[in-house]
C-alpha atoms as a PDB file:
ATOM      1  CA  MET A   1       0.596  -0.290  -0.263  1.00  0.00           C
ATOM      2  CA  ALA A   2       1.145   3.428  -1.120  1.00  0.00           C
ATOM      3  CA  LYS A   3       1.930   5.737   1.705  1.00  0.00           C
ATOM      4  CA  ASN A   4       1.270   9.691   1.019  1.00  0.00           C
ATOM      5  CA  THR A   5       3.173  12.016   1.963  1.00  0.00           C
ATOM      6  CA  TYR A   6       3.144  15.830   1.900  1.00  0.00           C
ATOM      7  CA  LYS A   7       5.134  17.162  -1.190  1.00  0.00           C
ATOM      8  CA  GLU A   8       6.826  21.051  -0.441  1.00  0.00           C
ATOM      9  CA  SER A   9       5.856  23.792  -3.441  1.00  0.00           C
ATOM     10  CA  LYS A  10       8.846  24.910  -4.681  1.00  0.00           C
ATOM     11  CA  ASN A  11       6.977  28.197  -4.777  1.00  0.00           C
ATOM     12  CA  LYS A  12       7.261  28.833  -1.030  1.00  0.00           C
ATOM     13  CA  GLY A  13       7.035  32.273   0.277  1.00  0.00           C
ATOM     14  CA  LYS A  14       6.060  34.088  -3.002  1.00  0.00           C
ATOM     15  CA  ASN A  15       2.296  33.778  -2.948  1.00  0.00           C
ATOM     16  CA  ILE A  16       0.482  36.054  -1.461  1.00  0.00           C
ATOM     17  CA  PHE A  17      -1.157  34.582   1.548  1.00  0.00           C
ATOM     18  CA  ALA A  18       2.596  34.081   2.450  1.00  0.00           C
ATOM     19  CA  ILE A  19       2.782  37.343   1.883  1.00  0.00           C
ATOM     20  CA  MET A  20      -0.074  38.622   4.227  1.00  0.00           C
ATOM     21  CA  GLU A  21       1.244  35.765   6.586  1.00  0.00           C
ATOM     22  CA  ARG A  22       4.483  37.845   7.662  1.00  0.00           C
ATOM     23  CA  LEU A  23       3.127  41.159   7.027  1.00  0.00           C
ATOM     24  CA  ILE A  24       0.470  39.972   9.769  1.00  0.00           C
ATOM     25  CA  ARG A  25       2.449  37.680  11.945  1.00  0.00           C
ATOM     26  CA  VAL A  26       1.763  40.186  15.871  1.00  0.00           C
ATOM     27  CA  ASP A  27       3.932  37.886  17.550  1.00  0.00           C
ATOM     28  CA  TRP A  28       7.006  40.260  18.795  1.00  0.00           C
ATOM     29  CA  LEU A  29       4.026  42.504  19.974  1.00  0.00           C
ATOM     30  CA  PHE A  30       2.962  40.062  22.263  1.00  0.00           C
ATOM     31  CA  GLN A  31       5.857  37.981  23.343  1.00  0.00           C
ATOM     32  CA  ASN A  32       4.835  38.103  27.710  1.00  0.00           C
ATOM     33  CA  GLY A  33       1.240  37.666  26.571  1.00  0.00           C
ATOM     34  CA  VAL A  34      -2.174  39.660  26.277  1.00  0.00           C
ATOM     35  CA  PRO A  35      -1.848  43.139  27.778  1.00  0.00           C
ATOM     36  CA  LEU A  36      -5.214  43.476  29.611  1.00  0.00           C
ATOM     37  CA  LYS A  37      -4.855  46.293  30.460  1.00  0.00           C
ATOM     38  CA  TYR A  38      -6.000  47.864  27.296  1.00  0.00           C
ATOM     39  CA  LEU A  39      -8.932  45.186  27.007  1.00  0.00           C
ATOM     40  CA  PRO A  40     -11.467  48.530  29.564  1.00  0.00           C
ATOM     41  CA  ASN A  41     -10.877  50.743  26.689  1.00  0.00           C
ATOM     42  CA  VAL A  42     -10.725  47.867  23.407  1.00  0.00           C
ATOM     43  CA  LEU A  43     -14.314  46.960  24.044  1.00  0.00           C
ATOM     44  CA  PHE A  44     -15.343  50.410  24.606  1.00  0.00           C
ATOM     45  CA  THR A  45     -13.712  50.774  21.194  1.00  0.00           C
ATOM     46  CA  ILE A  46     -15.212  47.616  19.654  1.00  0.00           C
ATOM     47  CA  LEU A  47     -18.998  48.598  21.650  1.00  0.00           C
ATOM     48  CA  LEU A  48     -18.980  52.178  19.878  1.00  0.00           C
ATOM     49  CA  ILE A  49     -17.806  50.706  16.736  1.00  0.00           C
ATOM     50  CA  ILE A  50     -22.092  48.200  16.959  1.00  0.00           C
ATOM     51  CA  PHE A  51     -23.271  51.585  18.154  1.00  0.00           C
ATOM     52  CA  TYR A  52     -22.002  53.360  15.276  1.00  0.00           C
ATOM     53  CA  ILE A  53     -23.448  50.795  12.753  1.00  0.00           C
ATOM     54  CA  GLY A  54     -26.736  49.845  13.732  1.00  0.00           C
ATOM     55  CA  TYR A  55     -26.870  53.776  13.626  1.00  0.00           C
ATOM     56  CA  ASN A  56     -26.030  53.625  10.885  1.00  0.00           C
ATOM     57  CA  HIS A  57     -28.101  51.170   9.542  1.00  0.00           C
ATOM     58  CA  TYR A  58     -31.635  53.645  11.618  1.00  0.00           C
ATOM     59  CA  ALA A  59     -30.335  55.915  10.087  1.00  0.00           C
ATOM     60  CA  ASP A  60     -30.797  53.952   6.538  1.00  0.00           C
ATOM     61  CA  LYS A  61     -34.099  52.558   7.312  1.00  0.00           C
ATOM     62  CA  ASN A  62     -35.598  56.084   8.548  1.00  0.00           C
ATOM     63  CA  ALA A  63     -34.514  57.953   4.801  1.00  0.00           C
ATOM     64  CA  ARG A  64     -35.839  54.966   2.690  1.00  0.00           C
ATOM     65  CA  ASN A  65     -39.417  54.935   5.147  1.00  0.00           C
ATOM     66  CA  ILE A  66     -38.847  58.621   4.814  1.00  0.00           C
ATOM     67  CA  SER A  67     -38.793  59.129   1.262  1.00  0.00           C
ATOM     68  CA  LYS A  68     -41.483  55.913   0.581  1.00  0.00           C
ATOM     69  CA  LEU A  69     -43.949  58.234   2.750  1.00  0.00           C
ATOM     70  CA  GLU A  70     -43.094  61.865   0.461  1.00  0.00           C
ATOM     71  CA  SER A  71     -44.049  59.479  -2.953  1.00  0.00           C
ATOM     72  CA  GLU A  72     -47.165  58.396  -1.015  1.00  0.00           C
ATOM     73  CA  VAL A  73     -47.244  61.270   0.312  1.00  0.00           C
ATOM     74  CA  GLU A  74     -47.249  63.430  -3.529  1.00  0.00           C
ATOM     75  CA  ASP A  75     -50.244  60.513  -4.835  1.00  0.00           C
ATOM     76  CA  LEU A  76     -51.981  61.772  -2.525  1.00  0.00           C
ATOM     77  CA  ARG A  77     -51.872  64.861  -3.507  1.00  0.00           C
ATOM     78  CA  ALA A  78     -52.299  64.763  -6.689  1.00  0.00           C
ATOM     79  CA  HIS A  79     -55.543  62.710  -6.662  1.00  0.00           C
ATOM     80  CA  TYR A  80     -56.272  65.131  -3.830  1.00  0.00           C
ATOM     81  CA  THR A  81     -56.383  67.482  -6.798  1.00  0.00           C
ATOM     82  CA  THR A  82     -57.794  65.407  -8.989  1.00  0.00           C
ATOM     83  CA  LEU A  83     -60.807  65.070  -7.286  1.00  0.00           C
ATOM     84  CA  LYS A  84     -61.422  68.957  -5.847  1.00  0.00           C
ATOM     85  CA  ALA A  85     -61.679  69.838  -9.181  1.00  0.00           C
ATOM     86  CA  GLN A  86     -64.354  67.300 -10.435  1.00  0.00           C
ATOM     87  CA  TYR A  87     -65.903  68.593  -7.714  1.00  0.00           C
ATOM     88  CA  MET A  88     -65.560  72.230  -8.995  1.00  0.00           C
ATOM     89  CA  TYR A  89     -66.582  71.391 -12.043  1.00  0.00           C
ATOM     90  CA  ALA A  90     -69.579  69.360 -10.942  1.00  0.00           C
ATOM     91  CA  ARG A  91     -70.970  71.989  -8.185  1.00  0.00           C
ATOM     92  CA  LEU A  92     -71.854  74.755 -11.243  1.00  0.00           C
ATOM     93  CA  GLN A  93     -75.184  75.692 -12.623  1.00  0.00           C
ATOM     94  CA  SER A  94     -75.290  74.544 -16.256  1.00  0.00           C
ATOM     95  CA  GLU A  95     -74.356  71.293 -14.062  1.00  0.00           C
ATOM     96  CA  VAL A  96     -76.620  70.125 -11.390  1.00  0.00           C
ATOM     97  CA  LYS A  97     -79.608  70.310 -14.334  1.00  0.00           C
ATOM     98  CA  LYS A  98     -78.036  68.275 -16.950  1.00  0.00           C
ATOM     99  CA  LYS A  99     -77.697  65.626 -13.392  1.00  0.00           C
ATOM    100  CA  VAL A 100     -81.392  66.516 -12.017  1.00  0.00           C
ATOM    101  CA  ALA A 101     -82.702  66.713 -15.950  1.00  0.00           C
ATOM    102  CA  PRO A 102     -84.159  63.105 -15.473  1.00  0.00           C
ATOM    103  CA  LEU A 103     -86.082  63.805 -11.780  1.00  0.00           C
ATOM    104  CA  GLY A 104     -88.063  66.158 -13.380  1.00  0.00           C
ATOM    105  CA  LEU A 105     -86.883  69.189 -11.904  1.00  0.00           C
ATOM    106  CA  GLU A 106     -86.141  72.523 -14.023  1.00  0.00           C
ATOM    107  CA  GLU A 107     -84.237  75.659 -13.011  1.00  0.00           C
ATOM    108  CA  SER A 108     -87.297  78.313 -11.865  1.00  0.00           C
ATOM    109  CA  LEU A 109     -87.595  81.480 -14.136  1.00  0.00           C
ATOM    110  CA  ASN A 110     -88.969  83.553 -12.116  1.00  0.00           C
ATOM    111  CA  PRO A 111     -86.510  86.159  -9.065  1.00  0.00           C
ATOM    112  CA  PRO A 112     -86.546  84.661  -5.674  1.00  0.00           C
ATOM    113  CA  ALA A 113     -89.622  86.637  -3.907  1.00  0.00           C
ATOM    114  CA  LYS A 114     -88.385  88.575  -0.369  1.00  0.00           C
ATOM    115  CA  ILE A 115     -90.540  87.249   2.268  1.00  0.00           C
ATOM    116  CA  SER A 116     -91.079  89.785   4.938  1.00  0.00           C
ATOM    117  CA  LEU A 117     -93.262  89.922   7.485  1.00  0.00           C
ATOM    118  CA  PRO A 118     -95.763  92.729   9.144  1.00  0.00           C
ATOM    119  CA  ASN A 119     -93.581  94.697  12.611  1.00  0.00           C
ATOM    120  CA  GLU A 120     -96.516  93.559  16.067  1.00  0.00           C
END
């Protein structure tokens, strides 16, 4: 049975990942262990970053919601203007006359008369 062996690459250290590993290596930084005196500041900074990201998401959501509501208000305003124009046209004397003609109502040719009562 054949034995599995590991074959070393001839280009060791020349690919992008090896270069990144050499650049990121921080063994020299923590020779005596992780300094715990910086931990509260690091945690506070991480907490601020999380709040910042959350607030940005919240602000973006509100901006999208405001944009959607503005377009909806504009549509409702246009609908209101159209309805108002239709009602203003429908209340004209000629339009009212056309609508009540099937009911047998006609326009009065006599002007209205004033009724006065004698003072007692």
